[in-house]
PDB file of N, CA and C in Angstrom:
ATOM      1  N   MET A   1     -25.275  37.596   4.044  1.00  0.00           N
ATOM      2  CA  MET A   1     -25.077  36.976   3.981  1.00  0.00           C
ATOM      3  C   MET A   1     -26.155  35.926   3.073  1.00  0.00           C
ATOM      4  N   LEU A   2     -27.305  36.191   3.462  1.00  0.00           N
ATOM      5  CA  LEU A   2     -28.661  34.923   3.263  1.00  0.00           C
ATOM      6  C   LEU A   2     -28.852  35.453   1.793  1.00  0.00           C
ATOM      7  N   HIS A   3     -28.525  36.818   1.635  1.00  0.00           N
ATOM      8  CA  HIS A   3     -28.923  37.071   0.083  1.00  0.00           C
ATOM      9  C   HIS A   3     -27.810  36.554  -0.353  1.00  0.00           C
ATOM     10  N   PHE A   4     -26.804  37.099  -0.364  1.00  0.00           N
ATOM     11  CA  PHE A   4     -26.261  36.729  -1.262  1.00  0.00           C
ATOM     12  C   PHE A   4     -25.737  34.825  -1.796  1.00  0.00           C
ATOM     13  N   ILE A   5     -26.149  34.009  -0.847  1.00  0.00           N
ATOM     14  CA  ILE A   5     -26.223  32.740  -0.990  1.00  0.00           C
ATOM     15  C   ILE A   5     -27.796  32.398  -2.234  1.00  0.00           C
ATOM     16  N   LEU A   6     -28.327  33.025  -1.129  1.00  0.00           N
ATOM     17  CA  LEU A   6     -29.468  32.691  -2.488  1.00  0.00           C
ATOM     18  C   LEU A   6     -29.599  32.963  -3.639  1.00  0.00           C
ATOM     19  N   LEU A   7     -28.170  34.628  -3.400  1.00  0.00           N
ATOM     20  CA  LEU A   7     -28.379  34.869  -5.265  1.00  0.00           C
ATOM     21  C   LEU A   7     -27.711  33.529  -6.042  1.00  0.00           C
ATOM     22  N   GLN A   8     -26.873  33.180  -5.192  1.00  0.00           N
ATOM     23  CA  GLN A   8     -25.801  32.273  -6.093  1.00  0.00           C
ATOM     24  C   GLN A   8     -26.911  31.025  -6.903  1.00  0.00           C
ATOM     25  N   ALA A   9     -27.718  30.257  -5.570  1.00  0.00           N
ATOM     26  CA  ALA A   9     -29.204  29.467  -5.972  1.00  0.00           C
ATOM     27  C   ALA A   9     -29.291  29.521  -6.911  1.00  0.00           C
ATOM     28  N   GLN A  10     -29.952  31.481  -7.982  1.00  0.00           N
ATOM     29  CA  GLN A  10     -30.506  31.803  -8.779  1.00  0.00           C
ATOM     30  C   GLN A  10     -29.290  31.690  -9.909  1.00  0.00           C
ATOM     31  N   GLY A  11     -28.162  31.773  -9.683  1.00  0.00           N
ATOM     32  CA  GLY A  11     -27.369  32.642 -10.999  1.00  0.00           C
ATOM     33  C   GLY A  11     -27.768  31.693 -12.368  1.00  0.00           C
ATOM     34  N   GLY A  12     -27.291  32.518 -13.343  1.00  0.00           N
ATOM     35  CA  GLY A  12     -28.168  31.132 -14.537  1.00  0.00           C
ATOM     36  C   GLY A  12     -26.179  30.697 -14.746  1.00  0.00           C
ATOM     37  N   ASN A  13     -25.429  30.634 -14.466  1.00  0.00           N
ATOM     38  CA  ASN A  13     -23.722  30.304 -14.612  1.00  0.00           C
ATOM     39  C   ASN A  13     -23.822  28.878 -13.551  1.00  0.00           C
ATOM     40  N   GLY A  14     -24.851  28.064 -13.926  1.00  0.00           N
ATOM     41  CA  GLY A  14     -24.861  26.961 -13.112  1.00  0.00           C
ATOM     42  C   GLY A  14     -23.928  25.431 -13.784  1.00  0.00           C
ATOM     43  N   LEU A  15     -24.332  25.588 -15.060  1.00  0.00           N
ATOM     44  CA  LEU A  15     -23.275  25.258 -15.677  1.00  0.00           C
ATOM     45  C   LEU A  15     -21.536  24.741 -15.466  1.00  0.00           C
ATOM     46  N   TRP A  16     -21.056  25.880 -14.767  1.00  0.00           N
ATOM     47  CA  TRP A  16     -19.817  26.264 -15.288  1.00  0.00           C
ATOM     48  C   TRP A  16     -19.210  25.895 -13.961  1.00  0.00           C
ATOM     49  N   GLY A  17     -20.495  26.739 -13.028  1.00  0.00           N
ATOM     50  CA  GLY A  17     -19.957  25.931 -11.164  1.00  0.00           C
ATOM     51  C   GLY A  17     -20.291  24.532 -10.709  1.00  0.00           C
ATOM     52  N   ASN A  18     -21.279  24.047 -11.613  1.00  0.00           N
ATOM     53  CA  ASN A  18     -20.973  22.347 -11.586  1.00  0.00           C
ATOM     54  C   ASN A  18     -19.673  21.734 -12.121  1.00  0.00           C
ATOM     55  N   LEU A  19     -19.508  21.961 -13.452  1.00  0.00           N
ATOM     56  CA  LEU A  19     -18.735  21.579 -13.956  1.00  0.00           C
ATOM     57  C   LEU A  19     -16.861  21.866 -13.035  1.00  0.00           C
ATOM     58  N   ILE A  20     -17.126  23.199 -12.368  1.00  0.00           N
ATOM     59  CA  ILE A  20     -15.767  23.190 -11.360  1.00  0.00           C
ATOM     60  C   ILE A  20     -16.002  22.832 -10.339  1.00  0.00           C
ATOM     61  N   LEU A  21     -17.249  22.261  -9.559  1.00  0.00           N
ATOM     62  CA  LEU A  21     -17.382  21.407  -8.623  1.00  0.00           C
ATOM     63  C   LEU A  21     -17.054  20.068  -9.257  1.00  0.00           C
ATOM     64  N   PHE A  22     -17.477  19.077  -9.468  1.00  0.00           N
ATOM     65  CA  PHE A  22     -17.492  18.374 -10.293  1.00  0.00           C
ATOM     66  C   PHE A  22     -15.929  17.409 -10.842  1.00  0.00           C
ATOM     67  N   GLY A  23     -15.212  19.002 -11.306  1.00  0.00           N
ATOM     68  CA  GLY A  23     -13.612  18.634 -11.482  1.00  0.00           C
ATOM     69  C   GLY A  23     -12.780  18.990 -10.229  1.00  0.00           C
ATOM     70  N   GLY A  24     -13.282  19.835  -9.014  1.00  0.00           N
ATOM     71  CA  GLY A  24     -12.501  19.327  -8.293  1.00  0.00           C
ATOM     72  C   GLY A  24     -12.512  18.299  -7.535  1.00  0.00           C
ATOM     73  N   ILE A  25     -14.164  17.608  -7.047  1.00  0.00           N
ATOM     74  CA  ILE A  25     -14.427  16.189  -6.543  1.00  0.00           C
ATOM     75  C   ILE A  25     -13.380  15.505  -7.240  1.00  0.00           C
ATOM     76  N   ALA A  26     -13.124  15.446  -8.539  1.00  0.00           N
ATOM     77  CA  ALA A  26     -12.341  14.711  -9.095  1.00  0.00           C
ATOM     78  C   ALA A  26     -10.827  14.666  -8.847  1.00  0.00           C
ATOM     79  N   ILE A  27      -9.996  15.597  -8.843  1.00  0.00           N
ATOM     80  CA  ILE A  27      -8.854  16.108  -8.273  1.00  0.00           C
ATOM     81  C   ILE A  27      -8.632  15.558  -6.524  1.00  0.00           C
ATOM     82  N   ILE A  28      -9.681  15.794  -5.848  1.00  0.00           N
ATOM     83  CA  ILE A  28      -9.469  15.625  -4.700  1.00  0.00           C
ATOM     84  C   ILE A  28      -9.655  13.852  -4.529  1.00  0.00           C
ATOM     85  N   PHE A  29     -10.370  13.338  -5.034  1.00  0.00           N
ATOM     86  CA  PHE A  29     -10.498  11.686  -5.234  1.00  0.00           C
ATOM     87  C   PHE A  29      -9.054  11.756  -5.845  1.00  0.00           C
ATOM     88  N   TYR A  30      -8.519  11.852  -6.925  1.00  0.00           N
ATOM     89  CA  TYR A  30      -7.354  11.465  -6.983  1.00  0.00           C
ATOM     90  C   TYR A  30      -5.970  11.662  -6.256  1.00  0.00           C
ATOM     91  N   PHE A  31      -5.931  12.571  -5.986  1.00  0.00           N
ATOM     92  CA  PHE A  31      -4.850  12.872  -4.789  1.00  0.00           C
ATOM     93  C   PHE A  31      -5.346  11.484  -3.275  1.00  0.00           C
ATOM     94  N   PHE A  32      -6.265  11.788  -2.983  1.00  0.00           N
ATOM     95  CA  PHE A  32      -6.561  11.337  -1.822  1.00  0.00           C
ATOM     96  C   PHE A  32      -7.001   9.311  -1.736  1.00  0.00           C
ATOM     97  N   MET A  33      -7.360   9.136  -2.758  1.00  0.00           N
ATOM     98  CA  MET A  33      -7.676   8.001  -3.084  1.00  0.00           C
ATOM     99  C   MET A  33      -6.743   6.562  -4.110  1.00  0.00           C
ATOM    100  N   ILE A  34      -6.725   7.485  -5.456  1.00  0.00           N
ATOM    101  CA  ILE A  34      -6.250   6.548  -6.845  1.00  0.00           C
ATOM    102  C   ILE A  34      -4.287   7.024  -6.221  1.00  0.00           C
ATOM    103  N   ARG A  35      -4.082   7.571  -6.588  1.00  0.00           N
ATOM    104  CA  ARG A  35      -2.934   8.163  -5.902  1.00  0.00           C
ATOM    105  C   ARG A  35      -2.078   7.375  -4.874  1.00  0.00           C
ATOM    106  N   PRO A  36      -2.584   7.490  -3.667  1.00  0.00           N
ATOM    107  CA  PRO A  36      -1.654   6.475  -3.152  1.00  0.00           C
ATOM    108  C   PRO A  36      -1.972   5.006  -2.938  1.00  0.00           C
ATOM    109  N   GLN A  37      -3.009   4.652  -3.331  1.00  0.00           N
ATOM    110  CA  GLN A  37      -3.168   3.432  -4.160  1.00  0.00           C
ATOM    111  C   GLN A  37      -1.900   2.865  -4.693  1.00  0.00           C
ATOM    112  N   GLN A  38      -1.483   3.997  -5.938  1.00  0.00           N
ATOM    113  CA  GLN A  38      -0.932   3.333  -7.286  1.00  0.00           C
ATOM    114  C   GLN A  38       0.762   3.014  -6.595  1.00  0.00           C
ATOM    115  N   LYS A  39       0.880   4.767  -5.797  1.00  0.00           N
ATOM    116  CA  LYS A  39       1.828   4.348  -4.503  1.00  0.00           C
ATOM    117  C   LYS A  39       2.757   2.774  -4.279  1.00  0.00           C
ATOM    118  N   LYS A  40       1.332   2.669  -3.208  1.00  0.00           N
ATOM    119  CA  LYS A  40       1.667   1.380  -2.758  1.00  0.00           C
ATOM    120  C   LYS A  40       1.956   0.134  -2.953  1.00  0.00           C
ATOM    121  N   GLN A  41       0.632  -0.046  -4.443  1.00  0.00           N
ATOM    122  CA  GLN A  41       1.290  -1.015  -5.843  1.00  0.00           C
ATOM    123  C   GLN A  41       3.050  -1.192  -6.000  1.00  0.00           C
ATOM    124  N   LYS A  42       3.689   0.180  -6.434  1.00  0.00           N
ATOM    125  CA  LYS A  42       5.251   0.342  -6.414  1.00  0.00           C
ATOM    126  C   LYS A  42       5.584  -0.482  -5.730  1.00  0.00           C
ATOM    127  N   GLU A  43       5.371   0.231  -4.196  1.00  0.00           N
ATOM    128  CA  GLU A  43       6.522  -0.428  -3.230  1.00  0.00           C
ATOM    129  C   GLU A  43       5.754  -1.755  -3.130  1.00  0.00           C
ATOM    130  N   THR A  44       4.718  -2.380  -2.825  1.00  0.00           N
ATOM    131  CA  THR A  44       4.584  -3.773  -2.914  1.00  0.00           C
ATOM    132  C   THR A  44       5.682  -4.141  -4.467  1.00  0.00           C
ATOM    133  N   LYS A  45       5.622  -4.147  -5.400  1.00  0.00           N
ATOM    134  CA  LYS A  45       6.649  -4.595  -6.890  1.00  0.00           C
ATOM    135  C   LYS A  45       7.422  -4.568  -6.147  1.00  0.00           C
ATOM    136  N   SER A  46       8.365  -3.695  -5.653  1.00  0.00           N
ATOM    137  CA  SER A  46       9.505  -3.304  -5.397  1.00  0.00           C
ATOM    138  C   SER A  46      10.194  -4.539  -4.464  1.00  0.00           C
ATOM    139  N   PHE A  47       9.206  -3.896  -3.296  1.00  0.00           N
ATOM    140  CA  PHE A  47       9.584  -5.248  -2.302  1.00  0.00           C
ATOM    141  C   PHE A  47       9.631  -6.690  -2.886  1.00  0.00           C
ATOM    142  N   ILE A  48       8.667  -7.030  -3.635  1.00  0.00           N
ATOM    143  CA  ILE A  48       8.713  -8.186  -4.378  1.00  0.00           C
ATOM    144  C   ILE A  48       9.836  -9.027  -5.042  1.00  0.00           C
ATOM    145  N   GLU A  49      10.108  -7.814  -5.533  1.00  0.00           N
ATOM    146  CA  GLU A  49      11.675  -7.703  -6.462  1.00  0.00           C
ATOM    147  C   GLU A  49      13.112  -7.876  -5.656  1.00  0.00           C
ATOM    148  N   ASN A  50      12.885  -7.913  -4.861  1.00  0.00           N
ATOM    149  CA  ASN A  50      13.914  -7.154  -3.903  1.00  0.00           C
ATOM    150  C   ASN A  50      13.709  -8.329  -2.804  1.00  0.00           C
ATOM    151  N   MET A  51      13.240  -8.737  -2.969  1.00  0.00           N
ATOM    152  CA  MET A  51      13.509 -10.368  -1.683  1.00  0.00           C
ATOM    153  C   MET A  51      14.670 -11.048  -2.171  1.00  0.00           C
ATOM    154  N   LYS A  52      15.488 -11.139  -0.770  1.00  0.00           N
ATOM    155  CA  LYS A  52      16.789 -12.299  -0.966  1.00  0.00           C
ATOM    156  C   LYS A  52      16.258 -13.585   0.189  1.00  0.00           C
ATOM    157  N   LYS A  53      16.893 -14.434  -0.133  1.00  0.00           N
ATOM    158  CA  LYS A  53      17.548 -15.474   0.832  1.00  0.00           C
ATOM    159  C   LYS A  53      18.219 -15.021   2.428  1.00  0.00           C
ATOM    160  N   GLY A  54      17.033 -14.880   3.148  1.00  0.00           N
ATOM    161  CA  GLY A  54      17.140 -15.091   5.018  1.00  0.00           C
ATOM    162  C   GLY A  54      16.638 -13.610   5.686  1.00  0.00           C
ATOM    163  N   ASP A  55      16.327 -13.280   4.324  1.00  0.00           N
ATOM    164  CA  ASP A  55      14.706 -12.150   5.394  1.00  0.00           C
ATOM    165  C   ASP A  55      14.058 -12.996   5.466  1.00  0.00           C
ATOM    166  N   MET A  56      14.156 -11.998   7.264  1.00  0.00           N
ATOM    167  CA  MET A  56      12.245 -12.247   7.775  1.00  0.00           C
ATOM    168  C   MET A  56      11.461 -11.695   7.611  1.00  0.00           C
ATOM    169  N   VAL A  57      10.163 -12.031   7.034  1.00  0.00           N
ATOM    170  CA  VAL A  57       9.227 -11.883   6.488  1.00  0.00           C
ATOM    171  C   VAL A  57       7.446 -12.292   7.385  1.00  0.00           C
ATOM    172  N   ILE A  58       6.890 -11.588   7.115  1.00  0.00           N
ATOM    173  CA  ILE A  58       5.402 -12.281   7.383  1.00  0.00           C
ATOM    174  C   ILE A  58       4.610 -12.292   6.330  1.00  0.00           C
ATOM    175  N   THR A  59       3.725 -13.146   5.756  1.00  0.00           N
ATOM    176  CA  THR A  59       2.222 -13.640   5.254  1.00  0.00           C
ATOM    177  C   THR A  59       1.960 -12.924   5.129  1.00  0.00           C
ATOM    178  N   ILE A  60       0.801 -12.606   4.021  1.00  0.00           N
ATOM    179  CA  ILE A  60      -0.898 -12.379   4.654  1.00  0.00           C
ATOM    180  C   ILE A  60      -1.328 -12.518   5.565  1.00  0.00           C
ATOM    181  N   GLY A  61      -1.054 -14.509   5.679  1.00  0.00           N
ATOM    182  CA  GLY A  61      -1.941 -14.928   6.674  1.00  0.00           C
ATOM    183  C   GLY A  61      -1.398 -15.046   8.164  1.00  0.00           C
ATOM    184  N   GLY A  62      -0.353 -14.248   8.310  1.00  0.00           N
ATOM    185  CA  GLY A  62       0.528 -13.833   9.521  1.00  0.00           C
ATOM    186  C   GLY A  62       1.181 -15.179   9.838  1.00  0.00           C
ATOM    187  N   ILE A  63       1.947 -15.419   9.267  1.00  0.00           N
ATOM    188  CA  ILE A  63       3.048 -16.740   8.950  1.00  0.00           C
ATOM    189  C   ILE A  63       4.576 -15.601   9.424  1.00  0.00           C
ATOM    190  N   HIS A  64       5.106 -16.072  11.256  1.00  0.00           N
ATOM    191  CA  HIS A  64       6.103 -15.393   9.754  1.00  0.00           C
ATOM    192  C   HIS A  64       7.397 -16.521  10.128  1.00  0.00           C
ATOM    193  N   GLY A  65       7.948 -16.349   9.076  1.00  0.00           N
ATOM    194  CA  GLY A  65       9.571 -17.009   8.968  1.00  0.00           C
ATOM    195  C   GLY A  65      10.855 -16.321   8.049  1.00  0.00           C
ATOM    196  N   LYS A  66      11.880 -17.147   7.634  1.00  0.00           N
ATOM    197  CA  LYS A  66      12.615 -16.856   7.092  1.00  0.00           C
ATOM    198  C   LYS A  66      12.604 -16.691   5.505  1.00  0.00           C
ATOM    199  N   ILE A  67      13.460 -16.817   4.614  1.00  0.00           N
ATOM    200  CA  ILE A  67      13.004 -16.642   3.172  1.00  0.00           C
ATOM    201  C   ILE A  67      14.545 -17.967   3.429  1.00  0.00           C
ATOM    202  N   TYR A  68      13.728 -19.245   2.675  1.00  0.00           N
ATOM    203  CA  TYR A  68      15.481 -20.687   2.372  1.00  0.00           C
ATOM    204  C   TYR A  68      15.168 -20.157   1.006  1.00  0.00           C
ATOM    205  N   ALA A  69      14.629 -20.091   0.470  1.00  0.00           N
ATOM    206  CA  ALA A  69      14.876 -20.050  -0.955  1.00  0.00           C
ATOM    207  C   ALA A  69      13.590 -19.832  -1.669  1.00  0.00           C
ATOM    208  N   ILE A  70      14.160 -18.743  -3.320  1.00  0.00           N
ATOM    209  CA  ILE A  70      13.298 -18.020  -3.739  1.00  0.00           C
ATOM    210  C   ILE A  70      13.707 -18.722  -5.303  1.00  0.00           C
ATOM    211  N   GLU A  71      11.900 -19.043  -5.651  1.00  0.00           N
ATOM    212  CA  GLU A  71      11.782 -19.872  -7.342  1.00  0.00           C
ATOM    213  C   GLU A  71      11.182 -18.935  -8.025  1.00  0.00           C
ATOM    214  N   ASP A  72      11.130 -19.513  -9.281  1.00  0.00           N
ATOM    215  CA  ASP A  72      10.293 -18.302  -9.977  1.00  0.00           C
ATOM    216  C   ASP A  72       8.537 -18.055 -10.110  1.00  0.00           C
ATOM    217  N   ASP A  73       8.351 -19.234  -9.298  1.00  0.00           N
ATOM    218  CA  ASP A  73       7.211 -18.872  -8.833  1.00  0.00           C
ATOM    219  C   ASP A  73       6.637 -18.395  -7.633  1.00  0.00           C
ATOM    220  N   GLY A  74       7.428 -19.008  -6.406  1.00  0.00           N
ATOM    221  CA  GLY A  74       7.110 -18.946  -5.475  1.00  0.00           C
ATOM    222  C   GLY A  74       8.005 -18.567  -4.497  1.00  0.00           C
ATOM    223  N   VAL A  75       8.039 -18.829  -3.162  1.00  0.00           N
ATOM    224  CA  VAL A  75       9.328 -18.239  -1.347  1.00  0.00           C
ATOM    225  C   VAL A  75       8.747 -19.734  -0.725  1.00  0.00           C
ATOM    226  N   VAL A  76       9.750 -20.424  -0.689  1.00  0.00           N
ATOM    227  CA  VAL A  76       9.783 -21.027   0.699  1.00  0.00           C
ATOM    228  C   VAL A  76      10.304 -20.656   1.758  1.00  0.00           C
ATOM    229  N   LEU A  77       9.900 -20.546   2.253  1.00  0.00           N
ATOM    230  CA  LEU A  77       9.665 -20.144   4.230  1.00  0.00           C
ATOM    231  C   LEU A  77      10.259 -21.072   4.958  1.00  0.00           C
ATOM    232  N   GLU A  78      11.308 -20.701   5.846  1.00  0.00           N
ATOM    233  CA  GLU A  78      11.119 -21.603   6.640  1.00  0.00           C
ATOM    234  C   GLU A  78      10.921 -20.924   7.995  1.00  0.00           C
ATOM    235  N   VAL A  79       9.817 -21.925   8.641  1.00  0.00           N
ATOM    236  CA  VAL A  79       8.899 -21.146  10.056  1.00  0.00           C
ATOM    237  C   VAL A  79       9.081 -21.661  11.396  1.00  0.00           C
ATOM    238  N   ASP A  80       9.938 -23.065  11.140  1.00  0.00           N
ATOM    239  CA  ASP A  80      11.170 -23.526  11.865  1.00  0.00           C
ATOM    240  C   ASP A  80      12.318 -24.226  12.159  1.00  0.00           C
ATOM    241  N   LYS A  81      12.526 -25.256  12.953  1.00  0.00           N
ATOM    242  CA  LYS A  81      14.144 -25.582  12.038  1.00  0.00           C
ATOM    243  C   LYS A  81      14.051 -26.490  11.611  1.00  0.00           C
ATOM    244  N   SER A  82      13.092 -27.402  11.116  1.00  0.00           N
ATOM    245  CA  SER A  82      12.551 -28.409   9.955  1.00  0.00           C
ATOM    246  C   SER A  82      11.412 -28.100   9.160  1.00  0.00           C
ATOM    247  N   THR A  83      10.823 -27.232   9.231  1.00  0.00           N
ATOM    248  CA  THR A  83       9.340 -27.039   8.958  1.00  0.00           C
ATOM    249  C   THR A  83       9.779 -26.220   7.713  1.00  0.00           C
ATOM    250  N   LYS A  84       9.352 -26.072   6.132  1.00  0.00           N
ATOM    251  CA  LYS A  84       9.448 -25.642   5.061  1.00  0.00           C
ATOM    252  C   LYS A  84       8.217 -25.269   4.686  1.00  0.00           C
ATOM    253  N   ILE A  85       7.670 -23.771   3.906  1.00  0.00           N
ATOM    254  CA  ILE A  85       6.254 -24.431   3.758  1.00  0.00           C
ATOM    255  C   ILE A  85       6.386 -23.065   2.438  1.00  0.00           C
ATOM    256  N   LYS A  86       6.145 -23.478   1.458  1.00  0.00           N
ATOM    257  CA  LYS A  86       6.242 -22.409  -0.385  1.00  0.00           C
ATOM    258  C   LYS A  86       4.573 -21.585  -0.231  1.00  0.00           C
ATOM    259  N   PHE A  87       5.155 -20.155  -0.512  1.00  0.00           N
ATOM    260  CA  PHE A  87       3.659 -19.639  -0.314  1.00  0.00           C
ATOM    261  C   PHE A  87       4.385 -18.720  -1.709  1.00  0.00           C
ATOM    262  N   GLU A  88       2.827 -18.309  -2.403  1.00  0.00           N
ATOM    263  CA  GLU A  88       3.321 -16.884  -3.812  1.00  0.00           C
ATOM    264  C   GLU A  88       4.378 -15.974  -2.811  1.00  0.00           C
ATOM    265  N   LYS A  89       4.630 -15.641  -4.193  1.00  0.00           N
ATOM    266  CA  LYS A  89       5.598 -14.301  -3.867  1.00  0.00           C
ATOM    267  C   LYS A  89       4.903 -13.506  -3.133  1.00  0.00           C
ATOM    268  N   THR A  90       3.547 -12.946  -3.888  1.00  0.00           N
ATOM    269  CA  THR A  90       2.237 -12.260  -3.550  1.00  0.00           C
ATOM    270  C   THR A  90       1.456 -12.235  -2.378  1.00  0.00           C
ATOM    271  N   ALA A  91       1.849 -13.866  -1.723  1.00  0.00           N
ATOM    272  CA  ALA A  91       1.624 -14.281  -0.378  1.00  0.00           C
ATOM    273  C   ALA A  91       2.623 -12.873   0.908  1.00  0.00           C
ATOM    274  N   ILE A  92       3.469 -12.531   0.426  1.00  0.00           N
ATOM    275  CA  ILE A  92       4.682 -12.540   1.756  1.00  0.00           C
ATOM    276  C   ILE A  92       3.834 -10.285   1.201  1.00  0.00           C
ATOM    277  N   SER A  93       3.783 -10.130   2.934  1.00  0.00           N
ATOM    278  CA  SER A  93       3.489  -8.903   3.516  1.00  0.00           C
ATOM    279  C   SER A  93       4.440  -7.912   3.745  1.00  0.00           C
ATOM    280  N   LEU A  94       5.217  -8.076   4.359  1.00  0.00           N
ATOM    281  CA  LEU A  94       5.363  -7.457   5.425  1.00  0.00           C
ATOM    282  C   LEU A  94       7.493  -7.885   5.438  1.00  0.00           C
ATOM    283  N   ASP A  95       8.223  -7.403   5.535  1.00  0.00           N
ATOM    284  CA  ASP A  95       9.626  -7.730   5.964  1.00  0.00           C
ATOM    285  C   ASP A  95       9.999  -7.158   7.166  1.00  0.00           C
ATOM    286  N   GLN A  96      10.116  -8.501   7.967  1.00  0.00           N
ATOM    287  CA  GLN A  96      10.265  -7.841   9.243  1.00  0.00           C
ATOM    288  C   GLN A  96      11.733  -7.585   9.808  1.00  0.00           C
ATOM    289  N   SER A  97      12.774  -8.507   8.717  1.00  0.00           N
ATOM    290  CA  SER A  97      14.324  -7.364   8.933  1.00  0.00           C
ATOM    291  C   SER A  97      14.448  -6.363   9.246  1.00  0.00           C
ATOM    292  N   LYS A  98      13.576  -5.141   8.345  1.00  0.00           N
ATOM    293  CA  LYS A  98      13.165  -3.931   8.562  1.00  0.00           C
ATOM    294  C   LYS A  98      12.997  -3.575   9.664  1.00  0.00           C
ATOM    295  N   LYS A  99      11.657  -3.789  10.003  1.00  0.00           N
ATOM    296  CA  LYS A  99      11.347  -3.338  11.305  1.00  0.00           C
ATOM    297  C   LYS A  99      11.940  -3.616  12.685  1.00  0.00           C
ATOM    298  N   LEU A 100      12.332  -5.080  12.066  1.00  0.00           N
ATOM    299  CA  LEU A 100      13.198  -5.214  13.524  1.00  0.00           C
ATOM    300  C   LEU A 100      14.117  -4.351  13.789  1.00  0.00           C
ATOM    301  N   ALA A 101      15.078  -4.043  12.407  1.00  0.00           N
ATOM    302  CA  ALA A 101      16.113  -2.936  12.710  1.00  0.00           C
ATOM    303  C   ALA A 101      15.606  -1.677  13.243  1.00  0.00           C
ATOM    304  N   GLU A 102      14.699  -1.587  12.716  1.00  0.00           N
ATOM    305  CA  GLU A 102      14.340  -0.030  13.179  1.00  0.00           C
ATOM    306  C   GLU A 102      13.576  -0.218  14.610  1.00  0.00           C
ATOM    307  N   THR A 103      12.842  -1.134  15.346  1.00  0.00           N
ATOM    308  CA  THR A 103      12.999  -1.474  16.625  1.00  0.00           C
ATOM    309  C   THR A 103      13.903  -1.183  17.221  1.00  0.00           C
ATOM    310  N   ALA A 104      15.718  -1.979  17.605  1.00  0.00           N
ATOM    311  CA  ALA A 104      16.342  -2.340  17.475  1.00  0.00           C
ATOM    312  C   ALA A 104      17.092  -0.371  17.335  1.00  0.00           C
ATOM    313  N   LYS A 105      16.795  -0.033  16.327  1.00  0.00           N
ATOM    314  CA  LYS A 105      17.394   1.516  16.284  1.00  0.00           C
ATOM    315  C   LYS A 105      16.700   2.374  17.574  1.00  0.00           C
ATOM    316  N   LYS A 106      15.683   2.077  17.853  1.00  0.00           N
ATOM    317  CA  LYS A 106      14.566   3.039  18.661  1.00  0.00           C
ATOM    318  C   LYS A 106      15.066   2.463  19.995  1.00  0.00           C
ATOM    319  N   SER A 107      15.602   1.821  20.209  1.00  0.00           N
ATOM    320  CA  SER A 107      15.860   1.064  22.141  1.00  0.00           C
ATOM    321  C   SER A 107      17.574   1.820  22.042  1.00  0.00           C
ATOM    322  N   ASP A 108      18.334   2.120  20.962  1.00  0.00           N
ATOM    323  CA  ASP A 108      19.599   2.501  22.122  1.00  0.00           C
ATOM    324  C   ASP A 108      19.523   3.482  22.043  1.00  0.00           C
TER     325      ASP A 108
END
């Protein structure tokens, strides 16, 4: 076994071995880092485009509210009975309506 490892270390095909190693690292990096990030960005973009009035959402700051109105540059959330706050669309991070529906299904 040790002899085999020493032969690999002395091998004259080091260039090809290094190219295969770096290519493998690049492929692993793509599948574990870049691809999941791109998928998450697509889901976030789809979520922002499909928001509608009445959805329960959570902002990136942790504020829970119901969408009162959707404007071209932002979203107005109704946080309390008469309190409305305007946020950028990108500040909405989670659709709580779906989460509540999933929780209700699990409890049944």
